[in-house]
């Protein structure tokens, strides 16, 4: 058989080159893993050293933040990231891929490559620096939204608190609104935050307008603003305020009953209770009370847009007069009330007047209310006339009915005519009191009820208190009958002319 030489061809087995790759990204929850809103960072320089490299290799991350080195020989490598400048961030966590390695500050060391391997998943996470903010504005139409042209509230204080994914609980940060009413908090690491406003002076509280991402809204506060779950720009947390709108008016004594306040001779009435009720533009019920000042004026300040009614509590020493609506006019003005006032925020509504008629109000009392004495004994009755009204009781007089008693003397002889039985009092100013004492004698036994009645030429609020009576028992044991229980029982000692109980 033929023999052929055995030719053995030596085959050279070549190593297949290895690869290292990874991603640089913004890490919103500082977890070191790419998730949620996390996005890659383009243009970041990555440097590779080690292995059999004589000089370092560099790569730049693409639009998705990925980077890679290929064609590498087996060996142990170090990957280093140059901290990116944009977007604004701070150093986050580095994470080695499944091939292993030791993460450090912007480095992953000890990445061991063997032939035909790919060391992927090497991550450099950067924590983004974020911000949020909004505005404080005058909500002139009361709709709870910042509309074009609505004025800024300048210098309002706004405070940020919360927890950062990097540092945990943060120290409160405070700022004030600028000339446009805007405020902002910048340089924050992602976290969950609360923005609170200090109510600005000169404004009443308005509605809040929620921003991005949506917060939990309560009065003057946006809570649970979560900046860890969105890459969207945060902002729009707006605080609406209602500028101090005023509604003013006057309660006055209307001398000529024309409903128009004269510059002189028609003084204001102090201490009158005025209530405003209604519903503002947010749907909230309004129910506030003020009292008129020393000049009779009243003011409701910091009033929101809404529809309101005014109610006056009738001053007790006056008769009801003519009420007039102001500007803007109410739709009805009836008996101490002005209703249907359509008020616009920032307005100065004025001219709401409640006119009152000053009236006298006489009250006559005589004491003792009841008494007992012997036949022939003397009994003195004191008559007290008081004007409880707001006007002078002119030409006041009191007609006395002796009811069978014998008149003896008067403490004011010139003021009392025993023939006509009239006590001429004269003018009694508001709050003034006049007094006279008449002494009688009972010449016969029996029960007597001397009365008296006061009159004036002035108009009175009421005449119910103008009459008085005393119940007297002379020479009888039974007490006089006054149609009910008697407050006290008096008897007169004829020897001393003094009363005893």
Protein backbone atom coordinates (compact mmCIF):
# COMPACT_ATOMS: atom_id res chain seq x y z
CA UNK A 1 0.00 0.00 0.00
CA UNK A 2 1.13 3.53 -0.62
CA UNK A 3 2.15 5.72 2.20
CA UNK A 4 1.63 9.42 2.12
CA UNK A 5 3.37 11.67 4.49
CA UNK A 6 1.14 12.83 7.25
CA UNK A 7 0.99 16.55 7.04
CA UNK A 8 -0.05 18.12 10.30
CA UNK A 9 -1.13 21.69 9.96
CA UNK A 10 -0.64 23.63 13.10
CA UNK A 11 -3.64 25.82 13.79
CA UNK A 12 -3.09 29.02 15.74
CA UNK A 13 -5.97 29.75 18.15
CA UNK A 14 -6.35 33.43 18.58
CA UNK A 15 -7.95 35.20 21.61
CA UNK A 16 -11.24 36.95 20.84
CA UNK A 17 -11.08 40.59 22.10
CA UNK A 18 -13.08 41.61 25.24
CA UNK A 19 -15.41 44.58 25.88
CA UNK A 20 -16.24 46.93 28.79
CA UNK A 21 -19.36 49.15 28.64
CA UNK A 22 -21.89 50.96 30.81
CA UNK A 23 -24.07 54.04 31.28
CA UNK A 24 -23.81 57.44 32.92
CA UNK A 25 -27.23 58.65 34.05
CA UNK A 26 -29.19 61.00 36.29
CA UNK A 27 -30.36 59.01 39.30
CA UNK A 28 -33.50 60.66 40.71
CA UNK A 29 -33.96 58.32 43.64
CA UNK A 30 -30.22 57.91 44.41
CA UNK A 31 -30.56 54.14 44.20
CA UNK A 32 -27.57 53.53 41.91
CA UNK A 33 -29.89 51.65 39.56
CA UNK A 34 -31.40 53.11 36.42
CA UNK A 35 -35.18 53.23 36.84
CA UNK A 36 -38.23 55.48 36.81
CA UNK A 37 -37.47 58.90 35.37
CA UNK A 38 -33.71 58.29 35.21
CA UNK A 39 -32.11 59.41 31.93
CA UNK A 40 -28.65 59.06 30.41
CA UNK A 41 -26.19 61.95 30.33
CA UNK A 42 -24.54 62.70 26.99
CA UNK A 43 -21.02 64.01 26.51
CA UNK A 44 -19.45 62.57 29.66
CA UNK A 45 -15.80 61.51 29.39
CA UNK A 46 -14.94 57.94 30.48
CA UNK A 47 -11.30 56.88 30.77
CA UNK A 48 -10.00 53.29 30.70
CA UNK A 49 -6.63 52.28 32.18
CA UNK A 50 -4.94 49.01 33.07
CA UNK A 51 -4.75 45.74 31.19
CA UNK A 52 -2.05 45.82 28.50
CA UNK A 53 -2.76 49.42 27.64
CA UNK A 54 0.24 51.63 27.25
CA UNK A 55 -1.82 54.78 27.30
CA UNK A 56 -5.32 55.42 28.66
CA UNK A 57 -8.29 55.16 26.35
CA UNK A 58 -11.16 57.67 26.47
CA UNK A 59 -14.73 57.58 25.28
CA UNK A 60 -17.61 60.06 25.38
CA UNK A 61 -21.14 59.00 26.28
CA UNK A 62 -23.72 59.14 23.53
CA UNK A 63 -27.20 60.69 23.68
CA UNK A 64 -28.43 57.83 25.88
CA UNK A 65 -25.46 58.14 28.22
CA UNK A 66 -23.89 54.84 27.09
CA UNK A 67 -20.20 54.26 26.69
CA UNK A 68 -17.99 51.26 25.69
CA UNK A 69 -14.46 50.04 25.04
CA UNK A 70 -13.98 47.17 22.61
CA UNK A 71 -11.08 45.11 21.28
CA UNK A 72 -9.50 44.75 24.71
CA UNK A 73 -7.01 42.11 25.69
CA UNK A 74 -7.54 40.04 28.79
CA UNK A 75 -6.45 41.85 31.90
CA UNK A 76 -7.55 43.92 34.89
CA UNK A 77 -8.91 47.39 34.17
CA UNK A 78 -9.99 50.62 35.82
CA UNK A 79 -12.80 52.79 34.49
CA UNK A 80 -12.86 56.44 35.58
CA UNK A 81 -15.61 58.99 35.00
CA UNK A 82 -14.97 62.70 34.68
CA UNK A 83 -17.71 64.30 36.80
CA UNK A 84 -20.16 65.95 34.36
CA UNK A 85 -20.90 69.64 34.69
CA UNK A 86 -24.22 69.67 32.88
CA UNK A 87 -26.95 69.08 33.63
CA UNK A 88 -26.47 70.31 37.19
CA UNK A 89 -25.79 67.37 39.45
CA UNK A 90 -23.71 66.03 42.27
CA UNK A 91 -21.76 62.80 42.56
CA UNK A 92 -23.93 59.74 42.97
CA UNK A 93 -23.24 56.04 43.25
CA UNK A 94 -21.01 53.91 40.98
CA UNK A 95 -22.08 50.31 40.39
CA UNK A 96 -19.94 47.48 38.96
CA UNK A 97 -21.53 45.13 36.43
CA UNK A 98 -21.78 41.32 36.66
CA UNK A 99 -18.11 40.92 35.65
CA UNK A 100 -17.15 42.42 38.98
CA UNK A 101 -15.10 45.34 40.12
CA UNK A 102 -14.89 47.71 43.05
CA UNK A 103 -16.92 50.96 42.84
CA UNK A 104 -15.38 54.12 44.20
CA UNK A 105 -15.76 57.84 43.78
CA UNK A 106 -16.22 58.16 40.01
CA UNK A 107 -14.28 54.93 39.50
CA UNK A 108 -14.75 51.21 39.15
CA UNK A 109 -11.50 49.35 39.74
CA UNK A 110 -10.49 45.71 39.42
CA UNK A 111 -12.60 44.83 36.40
CA UNK A 112 -11.14 41.49 35.27
CA UNK A 113 -11.53 40.68 31.60
CA UNK A 114 -10.89 37.33 30.04
CA UNK A 115 -10.84 36.58 26.35
CA UNK A 116 -14.17 36.77 24.63
CA UNK A 117 -15.94 38.48 27.60
CA UNK A 118 -18.11 41.57 27.83
CA UNK A 119 -18.14 43.42 31.12
CA UNK A 120 -21.41 45.33 30.84
CA UNK A 121 -23.65 47.15 33.33
CA UNK A 122 -20.99 49.42 34.77
CA UNK A 123 -22.94 52.41 35.97
CA UNK A 124 -22.05 55.91 37.04
CA UNK A 125 -25.11 57.51 38.64
CA UNK A 126 -25.29 61.23 39.20
CA UNK A 127 -27.85 62.87 41.42
CA UNK A 128 -29.52 65.73 39.55
CA UNK A 129 -29.85 69.14 41.14
CA UNK A 130 -33.44 70.19 40.79
CA UNK A 131 -35.61 73.12 41.73
CA UNK A 132 -39.18 74.13 42.25
CA UNK A 133 -41.18 77.28 42.83
CA UNK A 134 -44.18 79.32 41.90
CA UNK A 135 -45.67 82.71 42.59
CA UNK A 136 -47.75 84.68 45.06
CA UNK A 137 -50.36 86.76 43.29
CA UNK A 138 -53.43 88.87 43.87
CA UNK A 139 -56.40 86.83 42.72
CA UNK A 140 -58.52 89.73 41.54
CA UNK A 141 -61.29 87.58 40.07
CA UNK A 142 -61.23 85.08 42.93
CA UNK A 143 -61.03 82.01 40.67
CA UNK A 144 -58.00 80.45 42.36
CA UNK A 145 -55.85 80.66 39.22
CA UNK A 146 -53.00 82.98 38.27
CA UNK A 147 -54.41 84.74 35.24
CA UNK A 148 -52.59 87.13 32.94
CA UNK A 149 -52.46 90.63 34.32
CA UNK A 150 -53.17 89.73 37.92
CA UNK A 151 -50.85 91.74 40.19
CA UNK A 152 -47.85 90.29 41.97
CA UNK A 153 -47.56 90.11 45.73
CA UNK A 154 -44.00 91.27 46.34
CA UNK A 155 -41.96 90.33 49.41
CA UNK A 156 -44.12 87.41 50.54
CA UNK A 157 -42.23 84.82 52.61
CA UNK A 158 -42.18 81.21 51.39
CA UNK A 159 -40.48 78.29 53.18
CA UNK A 160 -39.36 74.88 51.87
CA UNK A 161 -38.97 71.83 54.12
CA UNK A 162 -38.71 68.11 53.45
CA UNK A 163 -36.46 65.11 52.94
CA UNK A 164 -33.71 64.68 50.34
CA UNK A 165 -32.77 61.29 48.89
CA UNK A 166 -29.16 62.21 49.65
CA UNK A 167 -29.14 63.95 53.04
CA UNK A 168 -32.50 63.06 54.55
CA UNK A 169 -34.28 65.79 56.47
CA UNK A 170 -33.14 69.22 55.28
CA UNK A 171 -32.88 72.48 57.15
CA UNK A 172 -35.77 74.81 56.20
CA UNK A 173 -35.05 77.11 53.27
CA UNK A 174 -36.78 80.50 53.16
CA UNK A 175 -37.09 82.99 50.34
CA UNK A 176 -39.26 85.97 49.40
CA UNK A 177 -41.12 86.76 46.22
CA UNK A 178 -39.49 89.10 43.73
CA UNK A 179 -40.96 92.06 41.84
CA UNK A 180 -43.00 89.71 39.69
CA UNK A 181 -44.29 87.77 42.68
CA UNK A 182 -42.18 84.74 41.77
CA UNK A 183 -40.18 82.58 44.16
CA UNK A 184 -37.90 79.62 43.58
CA UNK A 185 -35.79 77.04 45.38
CA UNK A 186 -32.80 75.79 43.37
CA UNK A 187 -29.88 73.45 43.92
CA UNK A 188 -32.05 70.81 45.55
CA UNK A 189 -31.40 67.11 45.37
CA UNK A 190 -34.50 65.06 44.61
CA UNK A 191 -36.75 64.37 47.56
CA UNK A 192 -40.22 64.92 48.91
CA UNK A 193 -40.83 68.52 49.88
CA UNK A 194 -43.37 70.92 51.35
CA UNK A 195 -43.76 74.59 50.41
CA UNK A 196 -45.55 76.85 52.88
CA UNK A 197 -46.43 80.53 52.62
CA UNK A 198 -46.54 83.06 55.43
CA UNK A 199 -49.79 84.97 54.95
CA UNK A 200 -48.77 88.41 53.61
CA UNK A 201 -49.97 91.46 55.49
CA UNK A 202 -52.73 93.47 53.86
CA UNK A 203 -54.28 90.46 52.14
CA UNK A 204 -56.84 87.87 53.08
CA UNK A 205 -56.13 84.27 52.26
CA UNK A 206 -56.98 83.17 48.73
CA UNK A 207 -56.99 79.81 46.99
CA UNK A 208 -53.87 77.81 46.12
CA UNK A 209 -53.14 76.68 42.55
CA UNK A 210 -51.43 73.27 42.37
CA UNK A 211 -48.22 72.82 40.42
CA UNK A 212 -46.02 70.07 38.91
CA UNK A 213 -45.79 67.40 40.16
CA UNK A 214 -49.17 67.62 41.85
CA UNK A 215 -48.96 68.20 45.60
CA UNK A 216 -51.33 67.73 48.50
CA UNK A 217 -52.90 71.17 48.90
CA UNK A 218 -54.06 72.66 52.18
CA UNK A 219 -54.38 76.22 53.36
CA UNK A 220 -51.18 78.12 52.41
CA UNK A 221 -49.30 74.85 51.93
CA UNK A 222 -48.27 72.39 49.19
CA UNK A 223 -47.15 69.08 50.72
CA UNK A 224 -45.77 65.81 49.30
CA UNK A 225 -44.09 67.40 46.29
CA UNK A 226 -42.29 64.27 45.04
CA UNK A 227 -39.24 65.22 42.95
CA UNK A 228 -37.95 61.62 42.82
CA UNK A 229 -40.40 60.28 40.27
CA UNK A 230 -40.36 62.76 37.43
CA UNK A 231 -37.78 64.47 35.27
CA UNK A 232 -40.28 67.19 34.39
CA UNK A 233 -39.46 70.71 35.52
CA UNK A 234 -41.18 71.36 38.82
CA UNK A 235 -43.05 74.61 39.50
CA UNK A 236 -46.35 76.40 39.35
CA UNK A 237 -47.11 76.23 43.06
CA UNK A 238 -49.03 79.48 43.24
CA UNK A 239 -50.54 81.14 46.28
CA UNK A 240 -53.54 83.32 45.52
CA UNK A 241 -54.24 86.25 47.82
CA UNK A 242 -57.15 88.63 48.08
CA UNK A 243 -56.13 92.25 48.43
CA UNK A 244 -57.76 94.13 51.27
CA UNK A 245 -61.10 95.09 49.80
CA UNK A 246 -63.11 97.40 52.05
CA UNK A 247 -66.79 97.94 52.61
CA UNK A 248 -67.67 100.93 54.77
CA UNK A 249 -70.75 102.65 56.06
CA UNK A 250 -72.31 104.75 58.81
CA UNK A 251 -75.04 104.61 61.42
CA UNK A 252 -76.30 108.09 62.33
CA UNK A 253 -79.08 110.02 64.00
CA UNK A 254 -81.19 111.43 61.17
CA UNK A 255 -82.65 114.66 62.53
CA UNK A 256 -84.93 115.40 59.55
CA UNK A 257 -85.63 111.76 58.67
CA UNK A 258 -84.54 112.14 55.03
CA UNK A 259 -82.06 109.23 55.07
CA UNK A 260 -79.19 111.53 54.07
CA UNK A 261 -76.38 112.21 56.49
CA UNK A 262 -75.87 115.93 57.02
CA UNK A 263 -72.42 117.35 57.67
CA UNK A 264 -73.57 118.81 60.97
CA UNK A 265 -76.36 118.16 63.41
CA UNK A 266 -76.65 114.46 62.63
CA UNK A 267 -74.07 112.65 64.76
CA UNK A 268 -72.95 109.08 64.27
CA UNK A 269 -74.13 106.41 66.69
CA UNK A 270 -71.37 104.41 68.36
CA UNK A 271 -71.46 100.74 69.36
CA UNK A 272 -74.08 99.57 66.88
CA UNK A 273 -73.67 95.95 65.78
CA UNK A 274 -73.35 95.41 61.99
CA UNK A 275 -73.17 91.95 60.45
CA UNK A 276 -72.12 91.02 56.92
CA UNK A 277 -73.15 87.64 55.55
CA UNK A 278 -72.88 86.04 52.14
CA UNK A 279 -70.82 83.75 49.96
CA UNK A 280 -67.44 84.58 48.44
CA UNK A 281 -66.18 83.57 45.02
CA UNK A 282 -64.69 80.33 46.38
CA UNK A 283 -68.09 79.24 47.69
CA UNK A 284 -67.13 79.83 51.31
CA UNK A 285 -69.73 81.26 53.66
CA UNK A 286 -68.96 84.67 55.16
CA UNK A 287 -70.38 85.78 58.49
CA UNK A 288 -68.57 88.63 60.21
CA UNK A 289 -69.56 91.24 62.79
CA UNK A 290 -68.21 94.69 63.67
CA UNK A 291 -69.42 97.51 65.91
CA UNK A 292 -69.56 101.13 64.82
CA UNK A 293 -66.81 103.35 66.16
CA UNK A 294 -67.18 106.62 68.08
CA UNK A 295 -68.18 108.42 64.87
CA UNK A 296 -70.76 105.79 63.93
CA UNK A 297 -68.63 104.40 61.09
CA UNK A 298 -68.11 100.69 60.35
CA UNK A 299 -65.65 98.88 58.09
CA UNK A 300 -65.29 95.33 56.82
CA UNK A 301 -61.74 94.87 55.54
CA UNK A 302 -59.97 92.15 53.53
CA UNK A 303 -63.23 91.26 51.86
CA UNK A 304 -63.20 88.84 48.95
CA UNK A 305 -65.18 88.94 45.77
CA UNK A 306 -68.69 87.74 46.55
CA UNK A 307 -72.33 88.60 47.11
CA UNK A 308 -73.16 90.01 50.53
CA UNK A 309 -75.87 91.44 52.75
CA UNK A 310 -75.57 93.90 55.63
CA UNK A 311 -77.70 93.61 58.76
CA UNK A 312 -77.95 96.24 61.48
CA UNK A 313 -79.02 95.49 65.02
CA UNK A 314 -81.48 98.26 65.80
CA UNK A 315 -80.00 100.55 68.50
CA UNK A 316 -82.44 100.31 71.43
CA UNK A 317 -82.81 104.05 72.13
CA UNK A 318 -83.69 104.97 68.52
CA UNK A 319 -86.60 104.43 66.19
CA UNK A 320 -85.85 102.85 62.83
CA UNK A 321 -85.07 105.33 60.07
CA UNK A 322 -84.28 105.18 56.37
CA UNK A 323 -81.51 102.84 55.19
CA UNK A 324 -79.60 103.54 51.99
CA UNK A 325 -77.36 101.35 49.85
CA UNK A 326 -73.90 102.48 48.84
CA UNK A 327 -71.67 101.71 45.87
CA UNK A 328 -71.96 99.07 44.49
CA UNK A 329 -75.68 99.21 45.20
CA UNK A 330 -77.52 96.38 46.88
CA UNK A 331 -80.63 95.06 45.23
CA UNK A 332 -82.87 95.59 48.27
CA UNK A 333 -82.88 97.87 51.30
CA UNK A 334 -85.52 96.94 53.84
CA UNK A 335 -85.76 97.43 57.60
CA UNK A 336 -82.17 97.44 58.86
CA UNK A 337 -80.78 95.35 56.01
CA UNK A 338 -79.12 95.94 52.65
CA UNK A 339 -78.98 92.81 50.50
CA UNK A 340 -77.54 91.70 47.16
CA UNK A 341 -74.26 93.64 47.28
CA UNK A 342 -72.04 92.32 44.49
CA UNK A 343 -68.56 93.04 45.77
CA UNK A 344 -65.36 92.78 43.73
CA UNK A 345 -62.01 92.06 45.42
CA UNK A 346 -59.75 95.08 45.89
CA UNK A 347 -62.75 97.38 45.67
CA UNK A 348 -63.56 100.13 48.14
CA UNK A 349 -67.31 99.90 48.56
CA UNK A 350 -68.76 102.76 50.59
CA UNK A 351 -71.82 104.79 51.45
CA UNK A 352 -73.94 102.15 53.17
CA UNK A 353 -75.97 104.08 55.75
CA UNK A 354 -78.44 103.16 58.44
CA UNK A 355 -80.34 106.26 59.57
CA UNK A 356 -82.02 106.24 62.97
CA UNK A 357 -84.57 108.52 64.60
CA UNK A 358 -83.64 109.83 68.04
CA UNK A 359 -86.51 109.36 70.46
CA UNK A 360 -87.23 110.12 74.09
CA UNK A 361 -88.31 107.27 76.34
CA UNK A 362 -89.69 108.21 79.75
CA UNK A 363 -89.90 105.81 82.62
CA UNK A 364 -91.81 106.76 85.79
CA UNK A 365 -91.38 104.91 89.08
CA UNK A 366 -92.87 105.63 92.48
CA UNK A 367 -91.74 104.21 95.82
CA UNK A 368 -92.67 102.61 98.00
CA UNK A 369 -94.56 100.22 95.79
CA UNK A 370 -96.62 99.19 98.80
CA UNK A 371 -97.02 100.47 102.35
CA UNK A 372 -99.26 100.30 105.45
CA UNK A 373 -99.97 103.03 107.98
CA UNK A 374 -102.50 104.03 110.60
CA UNK A 375 -105.43 106.31 109.95
CA UNK A 376 -104.16 109.85 110.16
CA UNK A 377 -100.58 108.83 109.53
CA UNK A 378 -98.35 110.50 106.94
CA UNK A 379 -96.97 108.67 103.91
CA UNK A 380 -94.29 110.02 101.55
CA UNK A 381 -94.13 108.74 97.96
CA UNK A 382 -91.05 109.40 95.83
CA UNK A 383 -91.65 109.87 92.07
CA UNK A 384 -88.61 109.28 89.83
CA UNK A 385 -88.75 110.19 86.13
CA UNK A 386 -85.92 108.96 83.86
CA UNK A 387 -85.35 109.54 80.16
CA UNK A 388 -83.92 106.31 78.77
CA UNK A 389 -84.08 107.47 75.17
CA UNK A 390 -81.67 109.17 72.80
CA UNK A 391 -83.53 112.51 72.47
CA UNK A 392 -84.52 115.12 75.04
CA UNK A 393 -87.98 114.71 76.48
CA UNK A 394 -89.23 118.29 76.16
CA UNK A 395 -91.86 119.85 78.45
CA UNK A 396 -92.14 116.69 80.52
CA UNK A 397 -94.81 116.64 83.24
CA UNK A 398 -96.40 114.13 85.60
CA UNK A 399 -100.08 114.04 86.51
CA UNK A 400 -100.63 112.54 89.99
CA UNK A 401 -103.84 110.80 91.06
CA UNK A 402 -104.23 111.07 94.87
CA UNK A 403 -106.92 108.35 94.95
CA UNK A 404 -108.61 109.80 98.01
CA UNK A 405 -105.48 110.66 99.98
CA UNK A 406 -104.99 114.12 101.43
CA UNK A 407 -102.04 116.04 99.96
CA UNK A 408 -99.74 117.48 102.59
CA UNK A 409 -96.41 118.75 101.15
CA UNK A 410 -94.07 118.53 98.13
CA UNK A 411 -90.26 118.48 98.21
CA UNK A 412 -90.32 120.86 95.22
CA UNK A 413 -93.24 123.20 95.98
CA UNK A 414 -92.64 125.39 92.95
CA UNK A 415 -92.75 122.40 90.60
CA UNK A 416 -95.95 120.81 91.92
CA UNK A 417 -99.43 122.27 91.66
CA UNK A 418 -101.61 120.52 94.22
CA UNK A 419 -104.76 121.89 92.60
CA UNK A 420 -104.07 120.57 89.11
CA UNK A 421 -102.02 117.74 90.61
CA UNK A 422 -99.33 118.29 87.95
CA UNK A 423 -95.59 118.01 88.55
CA UNK A 424 -93.97 120.26 85.94
CA UNK A 425 -90.65 118.61 85.21
CA UNK A 426 -89.47 120.50 82.11
CA UNK A 427 -86.92 119.16 79.63
CA UNK A 428 -85.25 115.87 80.52
CA UNK A 429 -82.03 115.13 78.62
CA UNK A 430 -81.16 111.58 77.51
CA UNK A 431 -80.08 109.60 80.56
CA UNK A 432 -81.19 112.33 83.00
CA UNK A 433 -83.41 111.77 86.03
CA UNK A 434 -85.80 114.06 87.94
CA UNK A 435 -87.24 113.31 91.39
CA UNK A 436 -89.98 114.74 93.62
CA UNK A 437 -91.39 113.60 96.96
CA UNK A 438 -95.06 114.10 97.85
CA UNK A 439 -96.37 113.52 101.36
CA UNK A 440 -99.95 112.39 101.88
CA UNK A 441 -102.19 111.68 104.84
CA UNK A 442 -104.78 108.97 105.06
CA UNK A 443 -107.84 110.31 106.86
CA UNK A 444 -109.93 107.22 106.38
CA UNK A 445 -109.24 103.51 106.58
CA UNK A 446 -109.06 101.48 103.43
CA UNK A 447 -106.92 100.36 100.51
CA UNK A 448 -105.64 103.06 98.16
CA UNK A 449 -103.74 103.00 94.83
CA UNK A 450 -102.39 106.46 94.00
CA UNK A 451 -101.06 106.55 90.43
CA UNK A 452 -99.06 108.93 88.27
CA UNK A 453 -98.61 109.35 84.51
CA UNK A 454 -95.78 111.12 82.67
CA UNK A 455 -96.09 112.95 79.34
CA UNK A 456 -93.80 114.88 77.01
CA UNK A 457 -94.23 116.90 73.86
CA UNK A 458 -91.46 114.81 72.26
CA UNK A 459 -92.03 111.59 70.33
CA UNK A 460 -91.30 108.54 72.45
CA UNK A 461 -90.10 105.06 71.65
CA UNK A 462 -92.75 103.67 73.97
CA UNK A 463 -95.21 104.93 76.59
CA UNK A 464 -95.51 101.60 78.39
CA UNK A 465 -93.35 102.82 81.28
CA UNK A 466 -95.00 106.23 81.68
CA UNK A 467 -97.44 105.17 84.42
CA UNK A 468 -96.70 104.05 87.98
CA UNK A 469 -98.70 103.04 91.06
CA UNK A 470 -98.33 102.44 94.78
CA UNK A 471 -100.57 100.16 96.86
CA UNK A 472 -101.38 101.55 100.31
CA UNK A 473 -103.26 100.06 103.27
CA UNK A 474 -104.44 102.67 105.81
CA UNK A 475 -105.82 101.47 109.11
CA UNK A 476 -106.34 97.92 107.87
CA UNK A 477 -104.45 94.73 108.61
CA UNK A 478 -104.69 93.18 105.17
CA UNK A 479 -101.91 94.28 102.80
CA UNK A 480 -102.98 96.28 99.76
CA UNK A 481 -103.68 94.29 96.60
CA UNK A 482 -101.57 95.10 93.59
CA UNK A 483 -102.81 92.36 91.32
CA UNK A 484 -99.81 90.16 92.15
CA UNK A 485 -97.02 89.59 94.61
CA UNK A 486 -95.58 92.73 96.15
CA UNK A 487 -91.83 93.33 96.24
CA UNK A 488 -91.94 94.54 99.82
CA UNK A 489 -94.34 95.64 102.58
CA UNK A 490 -93.73 98.92 104.32
CA UNK A 491 -95.48 100.66 107.19
CA UNK A 492 -95.10 104.21 108.47
CA UNK A 493 -94.69 105.11 112.10
CA UNK A 494 -96.89 108.15 112.73
CA UNK A 495 -94.74 109.18 115.63
CA UNK A 496 -91.41 109.22 113.77
CA UNK A 497 -92.62 109.66 110.18
CA UNK A 498 -90.19 106.92 109.14
CA UNK A 499 -90.80 103.75 107.20
CA UNK A 500 -90.29 100.30 108.72
CA UNK A 501 -90.33 96.87 107.17
